[in-house]
Amino acid sequence: MAKETANDRVLEFFQIYGVDVINLIIERHHLSQEKRNWFAARYVEEDPENEKEYTKMMDNLTQKIYKLDEKLYNAGLDEKVRIQILRDIKKVYPDDWMTGFAEE
């Protein structure tokens, strides 16, 4: 039996979950990255008003991420599968994955 490659898994993920769910995973990744950026900015900020604004932005992003997690969970994806899909997509489409995918 041949070893399953990242490409094989990605094709299977697209067949099982569809483009829309894969794009939700990518969107969630972008929101998480943005939240990490706001956290880093808040960490070095010395103005309490700016800190409050950054915290507000992070809270807003947390809510968006939570809603995406619910959609992904309802589509049958837990955190482990979501992370594996993202890793494999990055391997198979190293330069093209960040913009998402369109249905053919």
N, C-alpha and C. Protein backbone atom coordinates (compact mmCIF):
# COMPACT_ATOMS: atom_id res chain seq x y z
N MET A 1 0.84 -1.18 0.00
CA MET A 1 0.00 0.00 0.00
C MET A 1 0.89 1.25 0.00
N ALA A 2 0.59 2.19 -0.87
CA ALA A 2 1.38 3.41 -0.99
C ALA A 2 1.05 4.37 0.15
N LYS A 3 2.05 5.11 0.55
CA LYS A 3 1.87 6.09 1.61
C LYS A 3 1.06 7.27 1.08
N GLU A 4 0.11 7.71 1.88
CA GLU A 4 -0.74 8.84 1.48
C GLU A 4 0.08 10.13 1.59
N THR A 5 0.04 10.95 0.54
CA THR A 5 0.80 12.20 0.53
C THR A 5 -0.11 13.36 0.93
N ALA A 6 0.52 14.50 1.17
CA ALA A 6 -0.24 15.72 1.48
C ALA A 6 -1.17 16.05 0.33
N ASN A 7 -0.72 15.86 -0.89
CA ASN A 7 -1.56 16.13 -2.06
C ASN A 7 -2.80 15.23 -2.06
N ASP A 8 -2.61 13.96 -1.75
CA ASP A 8 -3.74 13.02 -1.67
C ASP A 8 -4.74 13.47 -0.61
N ARG A 9 -4.22 13.86 0.55
CA ARG A 9 -5.10 14.29 1.64
C ARG A 9 -5.86 15.56 1.27
N VAL A 10 -5.19 16.51 0.62
CA VAL A 10 -5.85 17.76 0.23
C VAL A 10 -6.98 17.47 -0.75
N LEU A 11 -6.73 16.63 -1.72
CA LEU A 11 -7.80 16.26 -2.66
C LEU A 11 -8.98 15.62 -1.93
N GLU A 12 -8.67 14.77 -0.98
CA GLU A 12 -9.71 14.13 -0.18
C GLU A 12 -10.48 15.16 0.65
N PHE A 13 -9.76 16.12 1.25
CA PHE A 13 -10.42 17.17 2.03
C PHE A 13 -11.38 17.97 1.17
N PHE A 14 -10.96 18.30 -0.05
CA PHE A 14 -11.84 19.05 -0.95
C PHE A 14 -13.08 18.23 -1.30
N GLN A 15 -12.91 16.94 -1.49
CA GLN A 15 -14.04 16.08 -1.82
C GLN A 15 -15.00 15.94 -0.64
N ILE A 16 -14.46 15.78 0.53
CA ILE A 16 -15.29 15.56 1.72
C ILE A 16 -15.97 16.85 2.19
N TYR A 17 -15.18 17.93 2.30
CA TYR A 17 -15.68 19.15 2.94
C TYR A 17 -16.07 20.25 1.96
N GLY A 18 -15.51 20.24 0.78
CA GLY A 18 -15.83 21.26 -0.21
C GLY A 18 -15.00 22.53 -0.05
N VAL A 19 -15.03 23.32 -1.08
CA VAL A 19 -14.24 24.55 -1.14
C VAL A 19 -14.67 25.54 -0.05
N ASP A 20 -15.95 25.66 0.20
CA ASP A 20 -16.42 26.64 1.18
C ASP A 20 -15.84 26.39 2.57
N VAL A 21 -15.80 25.14 2.99
CA VAL A 21 -15.27 24.82 4.31
C VAL A 21 -13.76 25.04 4.35
N ILE A 22 -13.07 24.67 3.29
CA ILE A 22 -11.62 24.92 3.22
C ILE A 22 -11.34 26.42 3.33
N ASN A 23 -12.16 27.22 2.66
CA ASN A 23 -11.98 28.67 2.73
C ASN A 23 -12.29 29.22 4.13
N LEU A 24 -13.20 28.59 4.85
CA LEU A 24 -13.45 28.99 6.24
C LEU A 24 -12.21 28.73 7.10
N ILE A 25 -11.53 27.63 6.85
CA ILE A 25 -10.30 27.32 7.57
C ILE A 25 -9.25 28.40 7.31
N ILE A 26 -9.13 28.81 6.06
CA ILE A 26 -8.15 29.84 5.70
C ILE A 26 -8.55 31.18 6.32
N GLU A 27 -9.83 31.50 6.28
CA GLU A 27 -10.31 32.75 6.90
C GLU A 27 -10.01 32.75 8.40
N ARG A 28 -10.24 31.62 9.05
CA ARG A 28 -9.96 31.51 10.48
C ARG A 28 -8.48 31.73 10.75
N HIS A 29 -7.65 31.18 9.90
CA HIS A 29 -6.20 31.36 10.05
C HIS A 29 -5.84 32.85 9.98
N HIS A 30 -6.42 33.56 9.02
CA HIS A 30 -6.15 34.99 8.87
C HIS A 30 -6.61 35.78 10.10
N LEU A 31 -7.78 35.45 10.62
CA LEU A 31 -8.28 36.15 11.80
C LEU A 31 -7.39 35.87 13.02
N SER A 32 -6.93 34.65 13.16
CA SER A 32 -6.04 34.31 14.27
C SER A 32 -4.72 35.06 14.16
N GLN A 33 -4.21 35.18 12.95
CA GLN A 33 -2.97 35.92 12.74
C GLN A 33 -3.17 37.40 13.08
N GLU A 34 -4.29 37.96 12.65
CA GLU A 34 -4.58 39.36 12.97
C GLU A 34 -4.69 39.57 14.48
N LYS A 35 -5.32 38.62 15.15
CA LYS A 35 -5.45 38.73 16.61
C LYS A 35 -4.07 38.68 17.27
N ARG A 36 -3.18 37.82 16.79
CA ARG A 36 -1.82 37.77 17.33
C ARG A 36 -1.09 39.09 17.11
N ASN A 37 -1.32 39.72 15.96
CA ASN A 37 -0.69 41.02 15.68
C ASN A 37 -1.19 42.09 16.64
N TRP A 38 -2.51 42.11 16.91
CA TRP A 38 -3.05 43.08 17.86
C TRP A 38 -2.51 42.81 19.27
N PHE A 39 -2.35 41.55 19.61
CA PHE A 39 -1.80 41.20 20.92
C PHE A 39 -0.38 41.75 21.06
N ALA A 40 0.42 41.55 20.02
CA ALA A 40 1.80 42.04 20.05
C ALA A 40 1.83 43.56 20.18
N ALA A 41 0.94 44.24 19.45
CA ALA A 41 0.88 45.70 19.53
C ALA A 41 0.45 46.15 20.93
N ARG A 42 -0.53 45.46 21.48
CA ARG A 42 -1.00 45.81 22.82
C ARG A 42 0.09 45.58 23.87
N TYR A 43 0.86 44.55 23.68
CA TYR A 43 1.91 44.20 24.64
C TYR A 43 2.94 45.32 24.78
N VAL A 44 3.28 45.99 23.68
CA VAL A 44 4.30 47.04 23.73
C VAL A 44 3.70 48.43 23.91
N GLU A 45 2.38 48.53 23.86
CA GLU A 45 1.71 49.84 23.97
C GLU A 45 1.80 50.37 25.39
N GLU A 46 2.08 51.65 25.50
CA GLU A 46 2.17 52.27 26.82
C GLU A 46 0.98 53.18 27.12
N ASP A 47 0.21 53.53 26.13
CA ASP A 47 -0.96 54.39 26.31
C ASP A 47 -2.17 53.52 26.68
N PRO A 48 -2.74 53.73 27.86
CA PRO A 48 -3.88 52.91 28.30
C PRO A 48 -5.08 52.98 27.35
N GLU A 49 -5.31 54.11 26.74
CA GLU A 49 -6.43 54.23 25.80
C GLU A 49 -6.21 53.35 24.57
N ASN A 50 -5.00 53.34 24.07
CA ASN A 50 -4.69 52.48 22.93
C ASN A 50 -4.77 51.01 23.33
N GLU A 51 -4.31 50.70 24.53
CA GLU A 51 -4.42 49.32 25.01
C GLU A 51 -5.87 48.86 25.03
N LYS A 52 -6.76 49.73 25.49
CA LYS A 52 -8.19 49.40 25.53
C LYS A 52 -8.73 49.17 24.12
N GLU A 53 -8.31 50.01 23.19
CA GLU A 53 -8.76 49.87 21.80
C GLU A 53 -8.25 48.56 21.19
N TYR A 54 -7.00 48.23 21.46
CA TYR A 54 -6.44 46.98 20.95
C TYR A 54 -7.16 45.77 21.55
N THR A 55 -7.46 45.86 22.84
CA THR A 55 -8.19 44.78 23.50
C THR A 55 -9.58 44.62 22.88
N LYS A 56 -10.21 45.73 22.58
CA LYS A 56 -11.53 45.69 21.94
C LYS A 56 -11.44 45.01 20.56
N MET A 57 -10.40 45.34 19.81
CA MET A 57 -10.21 44.71 18.50
C MET A 57 -10.00 43.20 18.66
N MET A 58 -9.20 42.82 19.66
CA MET A 58 -8.94 41.40 19.90
C MET A 58 -10.23 40.67 20.31
N ASP A 59 -11.04 41.30 21.13
CA ASP A 59 -12.31 40.70 21.55
C ASP A 59 -13.23 40.49 20.35
N ASN A 60 -13.26 41.46 19.46
CA ASN A 60 -14.07 41.35 18.24
C ASN A 60 -13.58 40.19 17.38
N LEU A 61 -12.28 40.07 17.24
CA LEU A 61 -11.71 38.96 16.47
C LEU A 61 -11.99 37.62 17.14
N THR A 62 -11.94 37.58 18.45
CA THR A 62 -12.25 36.35 19.18
C THR A 62 -13.66 35.88 18.88
N GLN A 63 -14.60 36.81 18.84
CA GLN A 63 -15.99 36.46 18.53
C GLN A 63 -16.11 35.92 17.10
N LYS A 64 -15.42 36.53 16.16
CA LYS A 64 -15.46 36.05 14.77
C LYS A 64 -14.85 34.66 14.66
N ILE A 65 -13.75 34.45 15.36
CA ILE A 65 -13.10 33.13 15.35
C ILE A 65 -14.02 32.08 15.97
N TYR A 66 -14.68 32.44 17.05
CA TYR A 66 -15.60 31.52 17.71
C TYR A 66 -16.73 31.11 16.75
N LYS A 67 -17.28 32.08 16.03
CA LYS A 67 -18.35 31.77 15.07
C LYS A 67 -17.86 30.86 13.95
N LEU A 68 -16.63 31.10 13.47
CA LEU A 68 -16.07 30.23 12.45
C LEU A 68 -15.83 28.83 13.00
N ASP A 69 -15.35 28.74 14.24
CA ASP A 69 -15.14 27.44 14.86
C ASP A 69 -16.45 26.66 14.95
N GLU A 70 -17.54 27.35 15.26
CA GLU A 70 -18.85 26.69 15.30
C GLU A 70 -19.23 26.14 13.93
N LYS A 71 -19.03 26.94 12.89
CA LYS A 71 -19.34 26.49 11.53
C LYS A 71 -18.50 25.28 11.16
N LEU A 72 -17.22 25.34 11.49
CA LEU A 72 -16.32 24.23 11.17
C LEU A 72 -16.69 22.98 11.95
N TYR A 73 -17.03 23.14 13.21
CA TYR A 73 -17.45 22.00 14.01
C TYR A 73 -18.72 21.38 13.44
N ASN A 74 -19.66 22.22 13.03
CA ASN A 74 -20.91 21.72 12.43
C ASN A 74 -20.67 21.03 11.09
N ALA A 75 -19.56 21.37 10.43
CA ALA A 75 -19.21 20.72 9.17
C ALA A 75 -18.44 19.42 9.42
N GLY A 76 -18.20 19.09 10.70
CA GLY A 76 -17.54 17.83 11.04
C GLY A 76 -16.05 17.96 11.30
N LEU A 77 -15.57 19.18 11.49
CA LEU A 77 -14.14 19.39 11.72
C LEU A 77 -13.86 19.76 13.16
N ASP A 78 -12.94 19.02 13.77
CA ASP A 78 -12.45 19.45 15.07
C ASP A 78 -11.12 20.17 14.87
N GLU A 79 -10.54 20.64 15.94
CA GLU A 79 -9.30 21.42 15.85
C GLU A 79 -8.17 20.64 15.20
N LYS A 80 -8.04 19.37 15.55
CA LYS A 80 -6.96 18.54 15.02
C LYS A 80 -7.07 18.42 13.49
N VAL A 81 -8.25 18.14 12.99
CA VAL A 81 -8.45 18.00 11.55
C VAL A 81 -8.23 19.34 10.86
N ARG A 82 -8.73 20.42 11.45
CA ARG A 82 -8.58 21.76 10.87
C ARG A 82 -7.10 22.10 10.71
N ILE A 83 -6.32 21.83 11.73
CA ILE A 83 -4.89 22.13 11.69
C ILE A 83 -4.20 21.26 10.63
N GLN A 84 -4.57 20.00 10.54
CA GLN A 84 -3.96 19.11 9.54
C GLN A 84 -4.29 19.58 8.13
N ILE A 85 -5.53 19.99 7.91
CA ILE A 85 -5.92 20.49 6.59
C ILE A 85 -5.08 21.71 6.24
N LEU A 86 -4.94 22.64 7.16
CA LEU A 86 -4.17 23.85 6.90
C LEU A 86 -2.70 23.51 6.60
N ARG A 87 -2.11 22.62 7.36
CA ARG A 87 -0.72 22.21 7.11
C ARG A 87 -0.56 21.62 5.72
N ASP A 88 -1.48 20.73 5.36
CA ASP A 88 -1.38 20.08 4.06
C ASP A 88 -1.60 21.07 2.92
N ILE A 89 -2.52 21.98 3.09
CA ILE A 89 -2.76 22.98 2.05
C ILE A 89 -1.52 23.85 1.86
N LYS A 90 -0.87 24.21 2.95
CA LYS A 90 0.36 25.01 2.86
C LYS A 90 1.46 24.26 2.11
N LYS A 91 1.51 22.93 2.30
CA LYS A 91 2.52 22.12 1.60
C LYS A 91 2.21 22.02 0.11
N VAL A 92 0.95 21.78 -0.21
CA VAL A 92 0.56 21.53 -1.59
C VAL A 92 0.48 22.82 -2.40
N TYR A 93 0.03 23.90 -1.77
CA TYR A 93 -0.13 25.19 -2.45
C TYR A 93 0.66 26.27 -1.70
N PRO A 94 1.99 26.17 -1.66
CA PRO A 94 2.77 27.08 -0.82
C PRO A 94 2.63 28.56 -1.17
N ASP A 95 2.36 28.87 -2.42
CA ASP A 95 2.28 30.27 -2.83
C ASP A 95 0.86 30.76 -3.08
N ASP A 96 -0.11 29.85 -3.11
CA ASP A 96 -1.45 30.22 -3.54
C ASP A 96 -2.55 30.04 -2.51
N TRP A 97 -2.24 29.47 -1.37
CA TRP A 97 -3.29 29.10 -0.42
C TRP A 97 -3.91 30.28 0.31
N MET A 98 -3.18 31.37 0.49
CA MET A 98 -3.63 32.45 1.37
C MET A 98 -4.86 33.18 0.85
N THR A 99 -5.09 33.15 -0.44
CA THR A 99 -6.25 33.85 -0.99
C THR A 99 -7.49 32.98 -1.04
N GLY A 100 -7.36 31.74 -0.68
CA GLY A 100 -8.50 30.84 -0.71
C GLY A 100 -8.64 30.18 -2.07
N PHE A 101 -9.73 29.46 -2.22
CA PHE A 101 -9.95 28.69 -3.44
C PHE A 101 -11.32 28.98 -4.01
N ALA A 102 -11.43 28.84 -5.33
CA ALA A 102 -12.70 29.03 -6.01
C ALA A 102 -13.17 27.68 -6.54
N GLU A 103 -14.48 27.52 -6.59
CA GLU A 103 -15.02 26.28 -7.15
C GLU A 103 -14.86 26.30 -8.65
N GLU A 104 -14.57 25.12 -9.20
CA GLU A 104 -14.39 25.01 -10.65
C GLU A 104 -15.71 24.74 -11.32
